[in-house]
Protein backbone atom coordinates (compact mmCIF):
# COMPACT_ATOMS: atom_id res chain seq x y z
CA MET A 1 65.32 -31.44 21.18
CA LEU A 2 64.64 -28.12 22.80
CA GLY A 3 63.82 -26.54 19.47
CA PHE A 4 61.42 -29.35 18.58
CA GLY A 5 59.83 -29.15 22.00
CA GLY A 6 59.43 -25.37 21.64
CA LYS A 7 57.57 -25.72 18.35
CA LYS A 8 55.35 -28.37 19.82
CA ASN A 9 54.40 -26.15 22.74
CA ASN A 10 53.60 -23.28 20.34
CA ALA A 11 51.31 -25.53 18.36
CA LEU A 12 49.53 -26.60 21.52
CA ASN A 13 49.18 -23.00 22.62
CA ASN A 14 47.69 -22.04 19.23
CA THR A 15 45.17 -24.87 19.47
CA SER A 16 44.26 -23.76 22.97
CA VAL A 17 43.69 -20.16 21.84
CA SER A 18 41.54 -21.30 18.92
CA ALA A 19 39.37 -23.44 21.18
CA GLY A 20 39.07 -20.56 23.61
CA ALA A 21 38.04 -18.21 20.82
CA MET A 22 35.37 -20.67 19.75
CA ARG A 23 34.06 -20.87 23.31
CA ASP A 24 34.01 -17.08 23.52
CA GLU A 25 32.13 -16.86 20.23
CA ARG A 26 29.53 -19.35 21.40
CA GLN A 27 29.14 -17.49 24.68
CA THR A 28 28.76 -14.17 22.85
CA SER A 29 26.12 -15.66 20.55
CA ALA A 30 24.25 -17.10 23.53
CA ILE A 31 24.34 -13.74 25.33
CA ILE A 32 22.95 -11.95 22.25
CA LEU A 33 20.21 -14.52 21.67
CA ASN A 34 19.17 -14.41 25.31
CA ALA A 35 19.19 -10.60 25.43
CA ILE A 36 17.15 -9.67 22.35
CA GLU A 37 13.37 -9.38 22.64
CA ASP A 38 12.69 -10.83 19.19
CA GLY A 39 11.91 -14.51 19.01
CA VAL A 40 14.57 -16.59 17.25
CA MET A 41 13.97 -20.19 16.25
CA LEU A 42 16.10 -22.65 14.28
CA ILE A 43 14.47 -25.68 12.67
CA ASP A 44 16.08 -28.53 10.78
CA HIS A 45 14.97 -30.08 7.47
CA GLU A 46 12.42 -32.25 9.31
CA GLY A 47 10.81 -29.24 10.97
CA VAL A 48 12.19 -30.02 14.43
CA ILE A 49 13.10 -27.04 16.61
CA GLN A 50 16.84 -27.01 17.40
CA LEU A 51 17.10 -23.53 18.92
CA PHE A 52 14.49 -21.47 20.76
CA ASN A 53 15.54 -18.30 22.57
CA PRO A 54 13.89 -16.61 25.62
CA GLY A 55 12.36 -13.98 23.30
CA ALA A 56 10.50 -16.76 21.51
CA GLU A 57 9.41 -18.18 24.87
CA LYS A 58 7.99 -14.80 25.93
CA ILE A 59 5.99 -14.36 22.71
CA THR A 60 4.70 -17.92 22.30
CA GLY A 61 4.29 -18.94 25.95
CA TRP A 62 6.30 -22.12 25.33
CA PRO A 63 9.25 -22.66 27.72
CA VAL A 64 12.57 -23.08 25.93
CA ASN A 65 13.22 -26.56 27.33
CA GLU A 66 9.78 -27.77 26.20
CA ALA A 67 9.81 -26.21 22.74
CA ARG A 68 13.18 -27.63 21.74
CA LYS A 69 13.01 -30.97 19.90
CA LEU A 70 9.31 -30.46 19.12
CA ASP A 71 7.92 -30.14 15.61
CA TYR A 72 7.54 -26.41 14.96
CA ARG A 73 3.90 -26.93 13.91
CA SER A 74 3.09 -27.75 17.54
CA VAL A 75 4.57 -24.46 18.74
CA ILE A 76 4.18 -21.92 15.90
CA LYS A 77 0.54 -21.82 14.80
CA LEU A 78 -0.15 -19.02 12.34
CA THR A 79 -3.49 -17.51 11.32
CA ASN A 80 -4.73 -14.51 9.37
CA GLU A 81 -6.61 -11.60 10.96
CA LYS A 82 -9.87 -13.57 10.69
CA GLY A 83 -8.46 -16.42 12.77
CA GLU A 84 -8.22 -18.79 9.80
CA ALA A 85 -5.24 -21.14 10.03
CA TYR A 86 -2.50 -20.73 7.43
CA THR A 87 -2.38 -23.41 4.76
CA ARG A 88 0.92 -25.01 3.74
CA GLU A 89 0.99 -22.70 0.73
CA GLN A 90 0.63 -19.63 2.98
CA ASN A 91 2.98 -20.61 5.81
CA PRO A 92 6.48 -19.09 5.38
CA LEU A 93 8.00 -21.89 7.50
CA THR A 94 6.74 -24.42 4.96
CA MET A 95 7.30 -22.29 1.88
CA ILE A 96 10.97 -21.73 2.71
CA PHE A 97 11.79 -25.39 1.95
CA ASN A 98 10.36 -24.94 -1.55
CA ASN A 99 12.06 -21.60 -2.15
CA ALA A 100 15.66 -21.20 -1.00
CA LYS A 101 16.31 -18.04 -3.03
CA GLY A 102 16.02 -15.74 -0.05
CA ALA A 103 14.10 -14.72 3.05
CA ILE A 104 10.30 -14.85 3.17
CA ARG A 105 8.60 -12.11 5.16
CA ASP A 106 5.07 -11.85 6.50
CA ASN A 107 3.96 -8.71 8.32
CA LYS A 108 0.29 -9.66 8.55
CA ALA A 109 0.48 -12.96 10.45
CA PHE A 110 -1.04 -13.75 13.84
CA LEU A 111 0.46 -16.27 16.24
CA ILE A 112 -1.67 -18.46 18.50
CA THR A 113 0.15 -18.70 21.82
CA ARG A 114 0.21 -21.73 24.08
CA ASN A 115 -2.67 -20.18 26.07
CA GLY A 116 -4.74 -19.63 22.92
CA ARG A 117 -4.16 -15.88 22.68
CA GLN A 118 -3.88 -14.33 19.21
CA VAL A 119 -0.77 -12.12 18.89
CA PRO A 120 0.05 -10.07 15.77
CA ILE A 121 3.63 -10.71 14.67
CA SER A 122 6.13 -9.69 12.05
CA LEU A 123 7.84 -12.84 10.75
CA SER A 124 10.98 -13.34 8.65
CA VAL A 125 12.19 -16.81 7.66
CA SER A 126 15.61 -17.38 6.04
CA PRO A 127 16.81 -20.66 4.52
CA LEU A 128 19.97 -22.52 5.54
CA THR A 129 21.54 -24.19 2.51
CA ASP A 130 24.38 -26.61 1.83
CA GLU A 131 26.97 -26.46 -0.95
CA ARG A 132 24.39 -27.83 -3.42
CA GLN A 133 21.99 -25.01 -2.52
CA THR A 134 19.61 -27.50 -0.90
CA THR A 135 17.64 -26.10 2.01
CA THR A 136 18.70 -28.00 5.13
CA GLY A 137 16.97 -25.85 7.72
CA ALA A 138 15.59 -22.41 8.42
CA VAL A 139 15.97 -19.56 10.88
CA ALA A 140 12.80 -17.72 11.88
CA VAL A 141 12.84 -14.32 13.55
CA PHE A 142 9.52 -12.96 14.82
CA ARG A 143 8.40 -9.98 16.84
CA ASP A 144 5.27 -9.01 18.74
CA VAL A 145 3.83 -6.00 16.87
CA THR A 146 0.67 -5.49 18.93
CA GLN A 147 1.53 -1.87 19.75
CA GLU A 148 2.57 -1.07 16.17
CA ARG A 149 -0.67 -2.51 14.76
CA LEU A 150 -2.71 -0.49 17.25
CA GLU A 151 -0.90 2.73 16.31
CA GLU A 152 -1.29 1.94 12.61
CA LYS A 153 -5.01 1.42 13.10
CA GLN A 154 -5.35 4.73 14.94
CA ARG A 155 -3.42 6.58 12.22
CA SER A 156 -5.46 4.91 9.52
CA GLU A 157 -8.75 5.82 11.21
CA PHE A 158 -7.65 9.45 11.61
CA ILE A 159 -6.54 9.73 7.97
CA SER A 160 -9.73 8.06 6.78
CA THR A 161 -11.99 10.32 8.83
CA ALA A 162 -10.09 13.52 8.03
CA SER A 163 -9.92 12.73 4.30
CA HIS A 164 -13.61 11.91 4.14
CA GLU A 165 -14.62 15.10 5.96
CA MET A 166 -12.34 17.36 3.91
CA ARG A 167 -13.48 16.01 0.55
CA THR A 168 -16.88 17.70 0.89
CA PRO A 169 -15.71 21.34 1.23
CA VAL A 170 -12.98 20.80 -1.39
CA ALA A 171 -15.56 19.44 -3.83
CA ALA A 172 -17.75 22.48 -3.15
CA ILE A 173 -14.85 24.88 -3.82
CA GLU A 174 -14.00 23.02 -7.02
CA GLY A 175 -17.62 23.24 -8.14
CA TYR A 176 -17.85 26.99 -7.55
CA LEU A 177 -14.56 27.58 -9.35
CA ALA A 178 -15.84 25.57 -12.32
CA LEU A 179 -18.97 27.76 -12.39
CA ALA A 180 -16.83 30.91 -12.25
CA LEU A 181 -14.88 29.66 -15.27
CA ASN A 182 -18.06 28.86 -17.24
CA ASP A 183 -18.77 31.64 -19.75
CA ARG A 184 -22.50 30.91 -19.60
CA VAL A 185 -22.62 31.50 -15.87
CA SER A 186 -20.17 34.33 -15.18
CA THR A 187 -18.02 36.90 -16.93
CA VAL A 188 -14.39 37.40 -15.86
CA ASP A 189 -11.46 39.14 -17.52
CA GLU A 190 -8.50 37.16 -18.80
CA ARG A 191 -6.27 38.04 -15.85
CA ALA A 192 -8.85 36.84 -13.33
CA ARG A 193 -9.47 33.73 -15.44
CA GLY A 194 -5.78 32.81 -15.14
CA TYR A 195 -5.98 33.05 -11.35
CA LEU A 196 -9.17 31.01 -11.25
CA GLU A 197 -7.71 28.29 -13.48
CA LYS A 198 -4.69 27.93 -11.21
CA ALA A 199 -6.95 27.77 -8.16
CA HIS A 200 -9.09 25.15 -9.90
CA GLU A 201 -6.05 23.00 -10.74
CA SER A 202 -4.78 23.24 -7.16
CA THR A 203 -8.20 22.28 -5.82
CA GLN A 204 -8.31 19.23 -8.11
CA HIS A 205 -4.85 18.23 -6.90
CA LEU A 206 -6.00 18.60 -3.28
CA GLY A 207 -9.08 16.48 -3.99
CA LYS A 208 -6.90 13.75 -5.50
CA LEU A 209 -4.65 13.85 -2.44
CA PHE A 210 -7.65 13.31 -0.13
CA GLN A 211 -8.90 10.48 -2.36
CA ASP A 212 -5.47 8.83 -2.34
CA LEU A 213 -5.24 9.20 1.44
CA LEU A 214 -8.64 7.57 1.82
CA THR A 215 -7.72 4.74 -0.54
CA SER A 216 -4.38 4.11 1.20
CA ALA A 217 -6.12 4.01 4.60
CA LYS A 218 -8.57 1.42 3.28
CA ALA A 219 -5.71 -0.59 1.79
CA GLU A 220 -3.93 -0.70 5.15
CA ASP A 221 -6.86 -1.92 7.22
CA GLY A 222 -8.33 -4.31 4.66
CA ARG A 223 -11.36 -2.19 3.67
CA LEU A 224 -10.29 -1.79 0.05
CA THR A 225 -13.21 -3.07 -2.01
CA SER A 226 -12.36 -5.82 -4.48
CA HIS A 227 -14.60 -8.02 -6.61
CA PRO A 228 -12.27 -10.39 -8.49
CA ILE A 229 -13.58 -12.11 -11.59
CA LEU A 230 -12.01 -14.13 -14.39
CA ILE A 231 -10.52 -11.90 -17.08
CA GLU A 232 -8.30 -12.49 -20.09
CA LEU A 233 -5.46 -10.01 -19.70
CA GLY A 234 -4.59 -9.77 -23.41
CA SER A 235 -7.88 -8.26 -24.54
CA PHE A 236 -8.27 -6.32 -21.28
CA ILE A 237 -4.91 -4.55 -21.55
CA GLU A 238 -5.20 -4.00 -25.30
CA GLN A 239 -8.50 -2.17 -24.81
CA LEU A 240 -7.10 -0.20 -21.87
CA THR A 241 -4.02 0.78 -23.90
CA ASN A 242 -6.26 2.13 -26.66
CA ASP A 243 -8.18 4.16 -24.08
CA LEU A 244 -4.91 5.62 -22.73
CA ARG A 245 -3.42 6.39 -26.15
CA PHE A 246 -4.62 10.00 -26.14
CA ALA A 247 -2.38 10.92 -23.19
CA ALA A 248 0.71 9.67 -25.05
CA ASP A 249 -0.34 11.30 -28.34
CA LYS A 250 -0.90 14.62 -26.58
CA LYS A 251 2.76 14.64 -25.48
CA GLY A 252 4.08 13.40 -28.83
CA LEU A 253 5.11 9.97 -27.50
CA ALA A 254 4.83 6.75 -29.49
CA LEU A 255 2.77 3.98 -27.89
CA GLU A 256 3.33 0.28 -28.49
CA PHE A 257 1.38 -2.76 -27.30
CA SER A 258 3.16 -6.12 -27.20
CA VAL A 259 1.83 -9.54 -26.23
CA GLY A 260 3.17 -13.09 -26.16
CA SER A 261 6.93 -12.82 -25.54
CA ALA A 262 8.62 -16.05 -24.47
CA ASP A 263 10.57 -14.56 -21.56
CA VAL A 264 9.29 -13.67 -18.12
CA ILE A 265 11.46 -11.49 -15.88
CA ASP A 266 11.79 -12.75 -12.31
CA ALA A 267 11.54 -10.18 -9.54
CA THR A 268 14.55 -11.69 -7.74
CA GLY A 269 17.62 -10.28 -9.37
CA GLY A 270 16.17 -9.70 -12.83
CA LYS A 271 16.70 -13.30 -13.93
CA THR A 272 14.81 -14.77 -16.87
CA ILE A 273 12.40 -17.65 -16.76
CA VAL A 274 11.85 -19.17 -20.20
CA GLY A 275 8.24 -19.89 -21.02
CA GLN A 276 6.59 -21.35 -24.08
CA LYS A 277 5.93 -19.07 -27.02
CA VAL A 278 2.54 -19.73 -28.54
CA ILE A 279 0.34 -18.00 -31.09
CA LYS A 280 -2.19 -15.63 -29.51
CA PRO A 281 -1.67 -16.88 -25.94
CA LEU A 282 -4.53 -16.40 -23.50
CA TYR A 283 -3.52 -15.11 -20.08
CA TYR A 284 -6.32 -15.78 -17.62
CA VAL A 285 -6.17 -14.25 -14.15
CA LYS A 286 -8.69 -13.61 -11.39
CA VAL A 287 -8.66 -9.95 -10.39
CA ASP A 288 -10.98 -6.99 -10.00
CA PRO A 289 -10.83 -5.29 -13.44
CA ASP A 290 -11.53 -1.85 -11.93
CA ARG A 291 -8.64 -2.22 -9.51
CA MET A 292 -6.23 -3.46 -12.20
CA ARG A 293 -7.34 -0.61 -14.44
CA GLU A 294 -6.44 1.76 -11.60
CA VAL A 295 -2.96 0.20 -11.28
CA ILE A 296 -2.12 0.17 -14.99
CA THR A 297 -3.49 3.68 -15.52
CA ASN A 298 -1.37 4.98 -12.65
CA LEU A 299 1.81 3.38 -14.04
CA PHE A 300 1.01 4.59 -17.55
CA ASP A 301 0.35 8.16 -16.38
CA ASN A 302 3.69 8.13 -14.53
CA ALA A 303 5.44 6.90 -17.67
CA VAL A 304 3.93 9.75 -19.70
CA LYS A 305 4.65 12.28 -16.97
CA TYR A 306 8.36 11.42 -16.69
CA THR A 307 9.06 10.88 -20.41
CA ASP A 308 9.74 13.87 -22.66
CA GLN A 309 10.50 12.00 -25.87
CA GLY A 310 10.59 8.46 -27.22
CA LYS A 311 7.96 5.81 -26.62
CA ILE A 312 6.02 3.89 -24.05
CA THR A 313 5.54 0.15 -24.37
CA VAL A 314 2.74 -1.73 -22.65
CA GLY A 315 3.38 -5.44 -22.80
CA LEU A 316 2.11 -8.80 -21.64
CA ASN A 317 3.88 -12.14 -21.50
CA GLY A 318 3.99 -15.18 -19.25
CA ASP A 319 4.73 -18.78 -18.56
CA ASN A 320 2.62 -21.59 -17.13
CA GLN A 321 2.46 -20.05 -13.65
CA VAL A 322 2.76 -16.30 -14.21
CA ALA A 323 1.09 -13.62 -16.31
CA GLN A 324 3.39 -10.62 -16.47
CA ILE A 325 2.41 -7.07 -17.36
CA TYR A 326 5.12 -4.51 -18.02
CA ILE A 327 5.13 -0.79 -18.81
CA ARG A 328 8.39 0.51 -20.25
CA ASP A 329 9.32 4.12 -20.94
CA THR A 330 12.31 6.04 -22.30
CA GLY A 331 12.13 8.73 -19.64
CA VAL A 332 14.38 10.18 -16.97
CA GLY A 333 14.83 6.91 -15.07
CA ILE A 334 15.09 6.34 -11.32
CA PRO A 335 18.32 6.49 -9.28
CA SER A 336 19.31 3.10 -7.84
CA GLU A 337 19.21 4.40 -4.25
CA ASP A 338 15.54 5.36 -4.65
CA ILE A 339 14.30 2.07 -6.09
CA PRO A 340 14.05 0.12 -2.76
CA HIS A 341 11.82 2.87 -1.31
CA LEU A 342 9.70 3.60 -4.37
CA PHE A 343 6.59 1.70 -3.24
CA GLN A 344 6.56 3.14 0.26
CA LYS A 345 3.88 5.56 1.37
CA PHE A 346 4.57 9.24 0.56
CA TYR A 347 7.95 8.45 -1.00
CA ARG A 348 8.89 10.57 -4.01
CA VAL A 349 12.14 10.73 -5.95
CA ASP A 350 13.66 14.13 -5.27
CA ASN A 351 15.92 15.41 -8.03
CA SER A 352 15.98 18.17 -10.63
CA ALA A 353 14.15 16.02 -13.17
CA THR A 354 11.18 15.25 -10.91
CA ARG A 355 10.96 18.22 -8.54
CA THR A 356 8.75 20.26 -10.85
CA ILE A 357 6.27 17.41 -11.43
CA GLY A 358 3.40 17.18 -8.95
CA GLY A 359 2.26 14.06 -7.15
CA THR A 360 0.95 12.76 -3.85
CA GLY A 361 3.59 10.07 -3.24
CA LEU A 362 0.79 7.54 -2.72
CA GLY A 363 0.15 6.21 -6.23
CA LEU A 364 2.79 3.47 -6.29
CA TYR A 365 2.02 2.50 -2.70
CA ILE A 366 -1.64 2.00 -3.63
CA CYS A 367 -0.58 0.03 -6.74
CA ARG A 368 1.48 -2.33 -4.57
CA LYS A 369 -1.37 -2.88 -2.11
CA ILE A 370 -3.79 -3.66 -4.96
CA VAL A 371 -1.42 -6.09 -6.68
CA GLU A 372 -0.81 -7.86 -3.37
CA LEU A 373 -4.57 -8.39 -3.01
CA TYR A 374 -4.25 -10.96 -5.79
CA GLN A 375 -1.02 -12.59 -4.51
CA GLY A 376 0.94 -10.68 -7.14
CA ARG A 377 4.23 -8.79 -7.14
CA ILE A 378 5.18 -5.37 -8.51
CA TRP A 379 8.68 -3.98 -8.92
CA VAL A 380 10.75 -1.73 -11.16
CA GLU A 381 14.01 -1.85 -13.08
CA SER A 382 15.49 1.46 -14.15
CA THR A 383 18.58 3.28 -15.40
CA VAL A 384 18.94 7.03 -15.02
CA SER A 385 18.45 8.88 -18.35
CA LYS A 386 17.50 5.63 -20.11
CA GLY A 387 14.04 4.91 -18.76
CA SER A 388 12.18 2.56 -16.44
CA THR A 389 10.22 -0.67 -16.69
CA PHE A 390 7.53 -1.54 -14.15
CA PHE A 391 6.64 -5.23 -13.88
CA ILE A 392 3.51 -6.86 -12.44
CA ASN A 393 3.41 -10.63 -11.92
CA LEU A 394 0.00 -12.22 -11.34
CA PRO A 395 -0.85 -15.92 -10.79
CA ARG A 396 -1.96 -17.31 -14.13
CA LEU A 397 -4.86 -19.72 -14.47
CA ASN A 398 -4.48 -22.49 -17.01
CA ASN A 399 -7.30 -23.16 -19.50
CA GLU A 400 -8.86 -25.88 -17.36
CA ARG A 401 -8.98 -23.75 -14.21
CA ALA A 402 -10.20 -20.77 -16.23
CA GLU A 403 -13.05 -22.83 -17.69
CA ASN A 404 -14.04 -24.10 -14.24
CA GLU A 405 -14.01 -20.54 -12.91
CA ARG A 406 -16.11 -19.35 -15.84
CA ARG A 407 -18.70 -22.05 -15.16
CA ARG A 408 -18.80 -21.15 -11.48
CA GLU A 409 -19.31 -17.45 -12.23
CA THR A 410 -22.00 -18.26 -14.77
CA ALA A 411 -23.82 -20.42 -12.24
CA GLU A 412 -23.62 -17.69 -9.59
CA ASN A 413 -24.92 -15.07 -12.01
CA THR A 414 -27.80 -17.32 -12.99
CA LEU A 415 -28.77 -18.05 -9.37
CA ASN A 416 -28.31 -14.51 -8.08
CA PRO A 417 -28.56 -12.00 -10.94
CA ILE A 418 -29.71 -9.07 -8.77
CA THR A 419 -26.66 -9.22 -6.48
CA THR A 420 -24.36 -9.45 -9.48
CA LEU A 421 -25.89 -6.39 -11.13
CA THR A 422 -25.73 -4.28 -8.01
CA ASN A 423 -22.11 -4.84 -7.02
CA PRO A 424 -20.72 -1.72 -5.34
CA VAL A 425 -18.83 0.62 -7.64
CA LEU A 426 -15.17 1.39 -7.12
CA GLN A 427 -14.77 3.13 -3.77
């Protein structure tokens, strides 16, 4: 009897400890949620707020006890920088229930507080899923980034002003060096010519750096000029590939153009989405052709620059929703630890294979900003010593939408031909 009673008491004690541990865990979680400045909100599958921490109260102006049990749409009202309300397709809190693959982030959103004030926020929404991978709720974490946006604007204005002012003297130096190297204008010995050529190359590199700085500053504050029109990517990229062929030929690299594959690579984990293979598919998108030419040229130049032998493939494929461009090389490849940072400003891979190759560290950042202008995605897959493949996914227009867009553009050109002919050139 004593032995039985002893075991029973131990079991009770274990249960008591477990319950105590659970209480401690809940208390610890509550302390953390109450202490952090970021807003944390939990919503269920019906969009009802189940958790709302003091950080969220401070940012939104809604008291915790009032916000809980309300529909999140009454509390979290998102707009863009122009004050235009987010649509369902733009709102991460709505999108997350249609896409449970991972977190959705938005660093450009503005929140309308309870008092009607517009606050810039950084927002991340993660899905909560059950065993069937059905989204049953979502956790939103948001932060007031007013100070960060102000500092970014000040940095951008400084870079823009400095780059603009420095381009003029650099252009003058480049011009005088070009005259000095012109046999019809001046006479220099071979030794001096070598010095002048190096100075000229360095000046051109400096001019490109200032231009890239100016472009990146415009991309950050929304001043990047863009005039999207309907284009058919197949013919566009084929022509552009032919224009770029000389750079590959000059280095002894083979160049291949491919269109119409049945598989589209997904940016999340390299999975494959199977599309329909058709004869001579037409991939319509709405983009600024000058901007897309800038992106593809940059990626192609990088492929040539970092490939010593083999070939470069420029390809296009897609499914009903996506038109996908890819540029594949057989070059040095990119280390896995560098890939997550590759599209950040000023980031360059630093190893023996790349150290001797010049660059500003802004090209891929600018490419990402341009692709994002058209709700697209850009990413890379790479293996060291085996090459890299850069992918660009753009929203694809079906034939009906493309025809409607063509009619609209034709009507606009007919009504306002002067404006159409005098569109600003690429800035």
